[in-house]
Amino acid sequence: RADIVVDFSAYPPGTELFLTNRLQ
């Protein structure tokens, strides 16, 4: 497990971000 804190206040309304996986 990993606990992370993401601050979305830096992004304008309507911004789309993604949780992604880059391992195959």
mmCIF file of all heavy atoms, coordinates in Angstrom:
data_MODEL
# 
_entry.id   MODEL 
# 
loop_
_atom_site.group_PDB 
_atom_site.id 
_atom_site.type_symbol 
_atom_site.label_atom_id 
_atom_site.label_alt_id 
_atom_site.label_comp_id 
_atom_site.label_asym_id 
_atom_site.label_entity_id 
_atom_site.label_seq_id 
_atom_site.pdbx_PDB_ins_code 
_atom_site.Cartn_x 
_atom_site.Cartn_y 
_atom_site.Cartn_z 
_atom_site.occupancy 
_atom_site.B_iso_or_equiv 
_atom_site.pdbx_formal_charge 
_atom_site.auth_seq_id 
_atom_site.auth_comp_id 
_atom_site.auth_asym_id 
_atom_site.auth_atom_id 
_atom_site.pdbx_PDB_model_num 
ATOM 1   N N   . ARG A 1 1  ? 0.832   -1.193 0.000   1.00 0.00 ? 1  ARG A N   1 
ATOM 2   C CA  . ARG A 1 1  ? 0.000   0.000  0.000   1.00 0.00 ? 1  ARG A CA  1 
ATOM 3   C C   . ARG A 1 1  ? 0.874   1.252  0.000   1.00 0.00 ? 1  ARG A C   1 
ATOM 4   O O   . ARG A 1 1  ? 2.010   1.217  0.470   1.00 0.00 ? 1  ARG A O   1 
ATOM 5   C CB  . ARG A 1 1  ? -0.885  0.034  1.255   1.00 0.00 ? 1  ARG A CB  1 
ATOM 6   C CG  . ARG A 1 1  ? -2.120  -0.813 1.197   1.00 0.00 ? 1  ARG A CG  1 
ATOM 7   C CD  . ARG A 1 1  ? -2.307  -1.621 2.471   1.00 0.00 ? 1  ARG A CD  1 
ATOM 8   N NE  . ARG A 1 1  ? -1.288  -2.650 2.564   1.00 0.00 ? 1  ARG A NE  1 
ATOM 9   C CZ  . ARG A 1 1  ? -0.621  -2.944 3.690   1.00 0.00 ? 1  ARG A CZ  1 
ATOM 10  N NH1 . ARG A 1 1  ? -0.874  -2.292 4.797   1.00 0.00 ? 1  ARG A NH1 1 
ATOM 11  N NH2 . ARG A 1 1  ? 0.294   -3.906 3.694   1.00 0.00 ? 1  ARG A NH2 1 
ATOM 12  N N   . ALA A 1 2  ? 0.327   2.322  -0.530  1.00 0.00 ? 2  ALA A N   1 
ATOM 13  C CA  . ALA A 1 2  ? 0.987   3.623  -0.490  1.00 0.00 ? 2  ALA A CA  1 
ATOM 14  C C   . ALA A 1 2  ? -0.080  4.679  -0.262  1.00 0.00 ? 2  ALA A C   1 
ATOM 15  O O   . ALA A 1 2  ? -1.098  4.696  -0.952  1.00 0.00 ? 2  ALA A O   1 
ATOM 16  C CB  . ALA A 1 2  ? 1.739   3.900  -1.786  1.00 0.00 ? 2  ALA A CB  1 
ATOM 17  N N   . ASP A 1 3  ? 0.150   5.542  0.725   1.00 0.00 ? 3  ASP A N   1 
ATOM 18  C CA  . ASP A 1 3  ? -0.723  6.696  0.956   1.00 0.00 ? 3  ASP A CA  1 
ATOM 19  C C   . ASP A 1 3  ? -0.055  7.908  0.334   1.00 0.00 ? 3  ASP A C   1 
ATOM 20  O O   . ASP A 1 3  ? 1.097   8.226  0.654   1.00 0.00 ? 3  ASP A O   1 
ATOM 21  C CB  . ASP A 1 3  ? -0.927  6.948  2.446   1.00 0.00 ? 3  ASP A CB  1 
ATOM 22  C CG  . ASP A 1 3  ? -1.784  5.891  3.119   1.00 0.00 ? 3  ASP A CG  1 
ATOM 23  O OD1 . ASP A 1 3  ? -1.853  4.767  2.589   1.00 0.00 ? 3  ASP A OD1 1 
ATOM 24  O OD2 . ASP A 1 3  ? -2.360  6.183  4.182   1.00 0.00 ? 3  ASP A OD2 1 
ATOM 25  N N   . ILE A 1 4  ? -0.770  8.570  -0.554  1.00 0.00 ? 4  ILE A N   1 
ATOM 26  C CA  . ILE A 1 4  ? -0.241  9.774  -1.192  1.00 0.00 ? 4  ILE A CA  1 
ATOM 27  C C   . ILE A 1 4  ? -1.239  10.910 -1.010  1.00 0.00 ? 4  ILE A C   1 
ATOM 28  O O   . ILE A 1 4  ? -2.436  10.674 -0.819  1.00 0.00 ? 4  ILE A O   1 
ATOM 29  C CB  . ILE A 1 4  ? 0.060   9.554  -2.691  1.00 0.00 ? 4  ILE A CB  1 
ATOM 30  C CG1 . ILE A 1 4  ? -1.239  9.355  -3.481  1.00 0.00 ? 4  ILE A CG1 1 
ATOM 31  C CG2 . ILE A 1 4  ? 1.001   8.369  -2.898  1.00 0.00 ? 4  ILE A CG2 1 
ATOM 32  C CD1 . ILE A 1 4  ? -1.032  9.322  -5.013  1.00 0.00 ? 4  ILE A CD1 1 
ATOM 33  N N   . VAL A 1 5  ? -0.745  12.146 -1.056  1.00 0.00 ? 5  VAL A N   1 
ATOM 34  C CA  . VAL A 1 5  ? -1.610  13.327 -1.001  1.00 0.00 ? 5  VAL A CA  1 
ATOM 35  C C   . VAL A 1 5  ? -1.422  14.110 -2.295  1.00 0.00 ? 5  VAL A C   1 
ATOM 36  O O   . VAL A 1 5  ? -0.288  14.472 -2.648  1.00 0.00 ? 5  VAL A O   1 
ATOM 37  C CB  . VAL A 1 5  ? -1.301  14.204 0.214   1.00 0.00 ? 5  VAL A CB  1 
ATOM 38  C CG1 . VAL A 1 5  ? -2.147  15.478 0.171   1.00 0.00 ? 5  VAL A CG1 1 
ATOM 39  C CG2 . VAL A 1 5  ? -1.577  13.449 1.510   1.00 0.00 ? 5  VAL A CG2 1 
ATOM 40  N N   . VAL A 1 6  ? -2.532  14.335 -2.995  1.00 0.00 ? 6  VAL A N   1 
ATOM 41  C CA  . VAL A 1 6  ? -2.535  15.092 -4.243  1.00 0.00 ? 6  VAL A CA  1 
ATOM 42  C C   . VAL A 1 6  ? -3.300  16.385 -4.003  1.00 0.00 ? 6  VAL A C   1 
ATOM 43  O O   . VAL A 1 6  ? -4.415  16.357 -3.465  1.00 0.00 ? 6  VAL A O   1 
ATOM 44  C CB  . VAL A 1 6  ? -3.192  14.291 -5.387  1.00 0.00 ? 6  VAL A CB  1 
ATOM 45  C CG1 . VAL A 1 6  ? -3.193  15.098 -6.683  1.00 0.00 ? 6  VAL A CG1 1 
ATOM 46  C CG2 . VAL A 1 6  ? -2.480  12.955 -5.580  1.00 0.00 ? 6  VAL A CG2 1 
ATOM 47  N N   . ASP A 1 7  ? -2.718  17.503 -4.407  1.00 0.00 ? 7  ASP A N   1 
ATOM 48  C CA  . ASP A 1 7  ? -3.367  18.810 -4.254  1.00 0.00 ? 7  ASP A CA  1 
ATOM 49  C C   . ASP A 1 7  ? -3.908  19.233 -5.618  1.00 0.00 ? 7  ASP A C   1 
ATOM 50  O O   . ASP A 1 7  ? -3.150  19.595 -6.521  1.00 0.00 ? 7  ASP A O   1 
ATOM 51  C CB  . ASP A 1 7  ? -2.366  19.831 -3.732  1.00 0.00 ? 7  ASP A CB  1 
ATOM 52  C CG  . ASP A 1 7  ? -3.033  21.136 -3.326  1.00 0.00 ? 7  ASP A CG  1 
ATOM 53  O OD1 . ASP A 1 7  ? -4.230  21.320 -3.637  1.00 0.00 ? 7  ASP A OD1 1 
ATOM 54  O OD2 . ASP A 1 7  ? -2.353  21.969 -2.695  1.00 0.00 ? 7  ASP A OD2 1 
ATOM 55  N N   . PHE A 1 8  ? -5.239  19.183 -5.757  1.00 0.00 ? 8  PHE A N   1 
ATOM 56  C CA  . PHE A 1 8  ? -5.882  19.537 -7.024  1.00 0.00 ? 8  PHE A CA  1 
ATOM 57  C C   . PHE A 1 8  ? -6.147  21.037 -7.154  1.00 0.00 ? 8  PHE A C   1 
ATOM 58  O O   . PHE A 1 8  ? -6.689  21.485 -8.171  1.00 0.00 ? 8  PHE A O   1 
ATOM 59  C CB  . PHE A 1 8  ? -7.198  18.767 -7.177  1.00 0.00 ? 8  PHE A CB  1 
ATOM 60  C CG  . PHE A 1 8  ? -7.024  17.286 -7.328  1.00 0.00 ? 8  PHE A CG  1 
ATOM 61  C CD1 . PHE A 1 8  ? -7.263  16.423 -6.262  1.00 0.00 ? 8  PHE A CD1 1 
ATOM 62  C CD2 . PHE A 1 8  ? -6.610  16.736 -8.532  1.00 0.00 ? 8  PHE A CD2 1 
ATOM 63  C CE1 . PHE A 1 8  ? -7.117  15.055 -6.395  1.00 0.00 ? 8  PHE A CE1 1 
ATOM 64  C CE2 . PHE A 1 8  ? -6.459  15.365 -8.688  1.00 0.00 ? 8  PHE A CE2 1 
ATOM 65  C CZ  . PHE A 1 8  ? -6.704  14.526 -7.616  1.00 0.00 ? 8  PHE A CZ  1 
ATOM 66  N N   . SER A 1 9  ? -5.792  21.819 -6.132  1.00 0.00 ? 9  SER A N   1 
ATOM 67  C CA  . SER A 1 9  ? -6.073  23.264 -6.196  1.00 0.00 ? 9  SER A CA  1 
ATOM 68  C C   . SER A 1 9  ? -5.204  23.965 -7.235  1.00 0.00 ? 9  SER A C   1 
ATOM 69  O O   . SER A 1 9  ? -5.493  25.100 -7.615  1.00 0.00 ? 9  SER A O   1 
ATOM 70  C CB  . SER A 1 9  ? -5.865  23.900 -4.822  1.00 0.00 ? 9  SER A CB  1 
ATOM 71  O OG  . SER A 1 9  ? -4.501  23.848 -4.442  1.00 0.00 ? 9  SER A OG  1 
ATOM 72  N N   . ALA A 1 10 ? -4.142  23.312 -7.689  1.00 0.00 ? 10 ALA A N   1 
ATOM 73  C CA  . ALA A 1 10 ? -3.251  23.926 -8.676  1.00 0.00 ? 10 ALA A CA  1 
ATOM 74  C C   . ALA A 1 10 ? -3.785  23.826 -10.097 1.00 0.00 ? 10 ALA A C   1 
ATOM 75  O O   . ALA A 1 10 ? -3.163  24.368 -11.023 1.00 0.00 ? 10 ALA A O   1 
ATOM 76  C CB  . ALA A 1 10 ? -1.874  23.256 -8.596  1.00 0.00 ? 10 ALA A CB  1 
ATOM 77  N N   . TYR A 1 11 ? -4.940  23.154 -10.286 1.00 0.00 ? 11 TYR A N   1 
ATOM 78  C CA  . TYR A 1 11 ? -5.455  22.908 -11.634 1.00 0.00 ? 11 TYR A CA  1 
ATOM 79  C C   . TYR A 1 11 ? -6.763  23.664 -11.863 1.00 0.00 ? 11 TYR A C   1 
ATOM 80  O O   . TYR A 1 11 ? -7.629  23.708 -10.983 1.00 0.00 ? 11 TYR A O   1 
ATOM 81  C CB  . TYR A 1 11 ? -5.680  21.407 -11.839 1.00 0.00 ? 11 TYR A CB  1 
ATOM 82  C CG  . TYR A 1 11 ? -4.428  20.593 -11.608 1.00 0.00 ? 11 TYR A CG  1 
ATOM 83  C CD1 . TYR A 1 11 ? -4.195  19.985 -10.376 1.00 0.00 ? 11 TYR A CD1 1 
ATOM 84  C CD2 . TYR A 1 11 ? -3.475  20.444 -12.603 1.00 0.00 ? 11 TYR A CD2 1 
ATOM 85  C CE1 . TYR A 1 11 ? -3.046  19.238 -10.146 1.00 0.00 ? 11 TYR A CE1 1 
ATOM 86  C CE2 . TYR A 1 11 ? -2.317  19.705 -12.395 1.00 0.00 ? 11 TYR A CE2 1 
ATOM 87  C CZ  . TYR A 1 11 ? -2.117  19.106 -11.164 1.00 0.00 ? 11 TYR A CZ  1 
ATOM 88  O OH  . TYR A 1 11 ? -0.967  18.368 -10.949 1.00 0.00 ? 11 TYR A OH  1 
ATOM 89  N N   . PRO A 1 12 ? -6.947  24.245 -13.044 1.00 0.00 ? 12 PRO A N   1 
ATOM 90  C CA  . PRO A 1 12 ? -8.190  24.970 -13.343 1.00 0.00 ? 12 PRO A CA  1 
ATOM 91  C C   . PRO A 1 12 ? -9.393  24.023 -13.353 1.00 0.00 ? 12 PRO A C   1 
ATOM 92  O O   . PRO A 1 12 ? -9.253  22.817 -13.573 1.00 0.00 ? 12 PRO A O   1 
ATOM 93  C CB  . PRO A 1 12 ? -7.931  25.539 -14.750 1.00 0.00 ? 12 PRO A CB  1 
ATOM 94  C CG  . PRO A 1 12 ? -6.453  25.490 -14.938 1.00 0.00 ? 12 PRO A CG  1 
ATOM 95  C CD  . PRO A 1 12 ? -5.971  24.331 -14.149 1.00 0.00 ? 12 PRO A CD  1 
ATOM 96  N N   . PRO A 1 13 ? -10.602 24.564 -13.129 1.00 0.00 ? 13 PRO A N   1 
ATOM 97  C CA  . PRO A 1 13 ? -11.805 23.744 -13.205 1.00 0.00 ? 13 PRO A CA  1 
ATOM 98  C C   . PRO A 1 13 ? -11.910 23.030 -14.553 1.00 0.00 ? 13 PRO A C   1 
ATOM 99  O O   . PRO A 1 13 ? -11.594 23.603 -15.601 1.00 0.00 ? 13 PRO A O   1 
ATOM 100 C CB  . PRO A 1 13 ? -12.941 24.759 -13.020 1.00 0.00 ? 13 PRO A CB  1 
ATOM 101 C CG  . PRO A 1 13 ? -12.310 25.886 -12.275 1.00 0.00 ? 13 PRO A CG  1 
ATOM 102 C CD  . PRO A 1 13 ? -10.896 25.959 -12.753 1.00 0.00 ? 13 PRO A CD  1 
ATOM 103 N N   . GLY A 1 14 ? -12.331 21.785 -14.497 1.00 0.00 ? 14 GLY A N   1 
ATOM 104 C CA  . GLY A 1 14 ? -12.474 20.991 -15.709 1.00 0.00 ? 14 GLY A CA  1 
ATOM 105 C C   . GLY A 1 14 ? -11.221 20.223 -16.107 1.00 0.00 ? 14 GLY A C   1 
ATOM 106 O O   . GLY A 1 14 ? -11.265 19.396 -17.033 1.00 0.00 ? 14 GLY A O   1 
ATOM 107 N N   . THR A 1 15 ? -10.113 20.471 -15.419 1.00 0.00 ? 15 THR A N   1 
ATOM 108 C CA  . THR A 1 15 ? -8.876  19.743 -15.727 1.00 0.00 ? 15 THR A CA  1 
ATOM 109 C C   . THR A 1 15 ? -9.079  18.252 -15.490 1.00 0.00 ? 15 THR A C   1 
ATOM 110 O O   . THR A 1 15 ? -9.697  17.846 -14.509 1.00 0.00 ? 15 THR A O   1 
ATOM 111 C CB  . THR A 1 15 ? -7.717  20.249 -14.861 1.00 0.00 ? 15 THR A CB  1 
ATOM 112 O OG1 . THR A 1 15 ? -7.498  21.628 -15.123 1.00 0.00 ? 15 THR A OG1 1 
ATOM 113 C CG2 . THR A 1 15 ? -6.444  19.479 -15.150 1.00 0.00 ? 15 THR A CG2 1 
ATOM 114 N N   . GLU A 1 16 ? -8.550  17.450 -16.386 1.00 0.00 ? 16 GLU A N   1 
ATOM 115 C CA  . GLU A 1 16 ? -8.595  15.998 -16.247 1.00 0.00 ? 16 GLU A CA  1 
ATOM 116 C C   . GLU A 1 16 ? -7.186  15.474 -15.980 1.00 0.00 ? 16 GLU A C   1 
ATOM 117 O O   . GLU A 1 16 ? -6.241  15.780 -16.699 1.00 0.00 ? 16 GLU A O   1 
ATOM 118 C CB  . GLU A 1 16 ? -9.174  15.353 -17.509 1.00 0.00 ? 16 GLU A CB  1 
ATOM 119 C CG  . GLU A 1 16 ? -10.627 15.728 -17.758 1.00 0.00 ? 16 GLU A CG  1 
ATOM 120 C CD  . GLU A 1 16 ? -11.212 15.036 -18.987 1.00 0.00 ? 16 GLU A CD  1 
ATOM 121 O OE1 . GLU A 1 16 ? -10.424 14.411 -19.742 1.00 0.00 ? 16 GLU A OE1 1 
ATOM 122 O OE2 . GLU A 1 16 ? -12.435 15.119 -19.182 1.00 0.00 ? 16 GLU A OE2 1 
ATOM 123 N N   . LEU A 1 17 ? -7.070  14.699 -14.917 1.00 0.00 ? 17 LEU A N   1 
ATOM 124 C CA  . LEU A 1 17 ? -5.832  14.021 -14.589 1.00 0.00 ? 17 LEU A CA  1 
ATOM 125 C C   . LEU A 1 17 ? -6.126  12.527 -14.514 1.00 0.00 ? 17 LEU A C   1 
ATOM 126 O O   . LEU A 1 17 ? -7.290  12.120 -14.364 1.00 0.00 ? 17 LEU A O   1 
ATOM 127 C CB  . LEU A 1 17 ? -5.258  14.498 -13.255 1.00 0.00 ? 17 LEU A CB  1 
ATOM 128 C CG  . LEU A 1 17 ? -4.913  15.984 -13.136 1.00 0.00 ? 17 LEU A CG  1 
ATOM 129 C CD1 . LEU A 1 17 ? -6.076  16.749 -12.525 1.00 0.00 ? 17 LEU A CD1 1 
ATOM 130 C CD2 . LEU A 1 17 ? -3.644  16.176 -12.304 1.00 0.00 ? 17 LEU A CD2 1 
ATOM 131 N N   . PHE A 1 18 ? -5.090  11.718 -14.575 1.00 0.00 ? 18 PHE A N   1 
ATOM 132 C CA  . PHE A 1 18 ? -5.298  10.276 -14.638 1.00 0.00 ? 18 PHE A CA  1 
ATOM 133 C C   . PHE A 1 18 ? -4.328  9.555  -13.707 1.00 0.00 ? 18 PHE A C   1 
ATOM 134 O O   . PHE A 1 18 ? -3.138  9.889  -13.645 1.00 0.00 ? 18 PHE A O   1 
ATOM 135 C CB  . PHE A 1 18 ? -5.091  9.765  -16.067 1.00 0.00 ? 18 PHE A CB  1 
ATOM 136 C CG  . PHE A 1 18 ? -6.041  10.354 -17.063 1.00 0.00 ? 18 PHE A CG  1 
ATOM 137 C CD1 . PHE A 1 18 ? -5.734  11.541 -17.718 1.00 0.00 ? 18 PHE A CD1 1 
ATOM 138 C CD2 . PHE A 1 18 ? -7.251  9.745  -17.325 1.00 0.00 ? 18 PHE A CD2 1 
ATOM 139 C CE1 . PHE A 1 18 ? -6.613  12.099 -18.631 1.00 0.00 ? 18 PHE A CE1 1 
ATOM 140 C CE2 . PHE A 1 18 ? -8.136  10.304 -18.237 1.00 0.00 ? 18 PHE A CE2 1 
ATOM 141 C CZ  . PHE A 1 18 ? -7.823  11.478 -18.891 1.00 0.00 ? 18 PHE A CZ  1 
ATOM 142 N N   . LEU A 1 19 ? -4.867  8.577  -12.990 1.00 0.00 ? 19 LEU A N   1 
ATOM 143 C CA  . LEU A 1 19 ? -4.024  7.596  -12.315 1.00 0.00 ? 19 LEU A CA  1 
ATOM 144 C C   . LEU A 1 19 ? -3.639  6.563  -13.364 1.00 0.00 ? 19 LEU A C   1 
ATOM 145 O O   . LEU A 1 19 ? -4.506  5.933  -13.977 1.00 0.00 ? 19 LEU A O   1 
ATOM 146 C CB  . LEU A 1 19 ? -4.779  6.935  -11.165 1.00 0.00 ? 19 LEU A CB  1 
ATOM 147 C CG  . LEU A 1 19 ? -4.036  5.819  -10.421 1.00 0.00 ? 19 LEU A CG  1 
ATOM 148 C CD1 . LEU A 1 19 ? -2.838  6.377  -9.658  1.00 0.00 ? 19 LEU A CD1 1 
ATOM 149 C CD2 . LEU A 1 19 ? -4.971  5.075  -9.481  1.00 0.00 ? 19 LEU A CD2 1 
ATOM 150 N N   . THR A 1 20 ? -2.340  6.387  -13.600 1.00 0.00 ? 20 THR A N   1 
ATOM 151 C CA  . THR A 1 20 ? -1.877  5.540  -14.688 1.00 0.00 ? 20 THR A CA  1 
ATOM 152 C C   . THR A 1 20 ? -0.898  4.487  -14.176 1.00 0.00 ? 20 THR A C   1 
ATOM 153 O O   . THR A 1 20 ? -0.265  4.638  -13.126 1.00 0.00 ? 20 THR A O   1 
ATOM 154 C CB  . THR A 1 20 ? -1.172  6.362  -15.782 1.00 0.00 ? 20 THR A CB  1 
ATOM 155 O OG1 . THR A 1 20 ? 0.037   6.916  -15.254 1.00 0.00 ? 20 THR A OG1 1 
ATOM 156 C CG2 . THR A 1 20 ? -2.068  7.489  -16.277 1.00 0.00 ? 20 THR A CG2 1 
ATOM 157 N N   . ASN A 1 21 ? -0.765  3.431  -14.963 1.00 0.00 ? 21 ASN A N   1 
ATOM 158 C CA  . ASN A 1 21 ? 0.217   2.374  -14.712 1.00 0.00 ? 21 ASN A CA  1 
ATOM 159 C C   . ASN A 1 21 ? 1.133   2.273  -15.923 1.00 0.00 ? 21 ASN A C   1 
ATOM 160 O O   . ASN A 1 21 ? 0.675   2.136  -17.050 1.00 0.00 ? 21 ASN A O   1 
ATOM 161 C CB  . ASN A 1 21 ? -0.483  1.026  -14.496 1.00 0.00 ? 21 ASN A CB  1 
ATOM 162 C CG  . ASN A 1 21 ? 0.501   -0.133 -14.492 1.00 0.00 ? 21 ASN A CG  1 
ATOM 163 O OD1 . ASN A 1 21 ? 1.573   -0.039 -13.907 1.00 0.00 ? 21 ASN A OD1 1 
ATOM 164 N ND2 . ASN A 1 21 ? 0.144   -1.216 -15.158 1.00 0.00 ? 21 ASN A ND2 1 
ATOM 165 N N   . ARG A 1 22 ? 2.439   2.338  -15.692 1.00 0.00 ? 22 ARG A N   1 
ATOM 166 C CA  . ARG A 1 22 ? 3.361   2.287  -16.817 1.00 0.00 ? 22 ARG A CA  1 
ATOM 167 C C   . ARG A 1 22 ? 4.182   0.992  -16.873 1.00 0.00 ? 22 ARG A C   1 
ATOM 168 O O   . ARG A 1 22 ? 5.135   0.887  -17.626 1.00 0.00 ? 22 ARG A O   1 
ATOM 169 C CB  . ARG A 1 22 ? 4.300   3.492  -16.783 1.00 0.00 ? 22 ARG A CB  1 
ATOM 170 C CG  . ARG A 1 22 ? 5.099   3.652  -15.508 1.00 0.00 ? 22 ARG A CG  1 
ATOM 171 C CD  . ARG A 1 22 ? 5.994   4.869  -15.578 1.00 0.00 ? 22 ARG A CD  1 
ATOM 172 N NE  . ARG A 1 22 ? 6.744   5.032  -14.344 1.00 0.00 ? 22 ARG A NE  1 
ATOM 173 C CZ  . ARG A 1 22 ? 7.823   5.806  -14.239 1.00 0.00 ? 22 ARG A CZ  1 
ATOM 174 N NH1 . ARG A 1 22 ? 8.271   6.460  -15.287 1.00 0.00 ? 22 ARG A NH1 1 
ATOM 175 N NH2 . ARG A 1 22 ? 8.455   5.911  -13.097 1.00 0.00 ? 22 ARG A NH2 1 
ATOM 176 N N   . LEU A 1 23 ? 3.790   -0.003 -16.054 1.00 0.00 ? 23 LEU A N   1 
ATOM 177 C CA  . LEU A 1 23 ? 4.473   -1.288 -16.106 1.00 0.00 ? 23 LEU A CA  1 
ATOM 178 C C   . LEU A 1 23 ? 3.690   -2.283 -16.957 1.00 0.00 ? 23 LEU A C   1 
ATOM 179 O O   . LEU A 1 23 ? 2.471   -2.383 -16.832 1.00 0.00 ? 23 LEU A O   1 
ATOM 180 C CB  . LEU A 1 23 ? 4.645   -1.875 -14.707 1.00 0.00 ? 23 LEU A CB  1 
ATOM 181 C CG  . LEU A 1 23 ? 5.848   -1.438 -13.884 1.00 0.00 ? 23 LEU A CG  1 
ATOM 182 C CD1 . LEU A 1 23 ? 5.950   -2.277 -12.627 1.00 0.00 ? 23 LEU A CD1 1 
ATOM 183 C CD2 . LEU A 1 23 ? 7.135   -1.520 -14.685 1.00 0.00 ? 23 LEU A CD2 1 
ATOM 184 N N   . GLN A 1 24 ? 4.378   -3.036 -17.758 1.00 0.00 ? 24 GLN A N   1 
ATOM 185 C CA  . GLN A 1 24 ? 3.808   -4.100 -18.577 1.00 0.00 ? 24 GLN A CA  1 
ATOM 186 C C   . GLN A 1 24 ? 4.093   -5.443 -17.923 1.00 0.00 ? 24 GLN A C   1 
ATOM 187 O O   . GLN A 1 24 ? 5.236   -5.737 -17.562 1.00 0.00 ? 24 GLN A O   1 
ATOM 188 C CB  . GLN A 1 24 ? 4.461   -4.044 -19.958 1.00 0.00 ? 24 GLN A CB  1 
ATOM 189 C CG  . GLN A 1 24 ? 4.121   -5.214 -20.879 1.00 0.00 ? 24 GLN A CG  1 
ATOM 190 C CD  . GLN A 1 24 ? 2.859   -4.936 -21.683 1.00 0.00 ? 24 GLN A CD  1 
ATOM 191 O OE1 . GLN A 1 24 ? 1.818   -4.674 -21.099 1.00 0.00 ? 24 GLN A OE1 1 
ATOM 192 N NE2 . GLN A 1 24 ? 2.964   -4.991 -22.979 1.00 0.00 ? 24 GLN A NE2 1 
# 
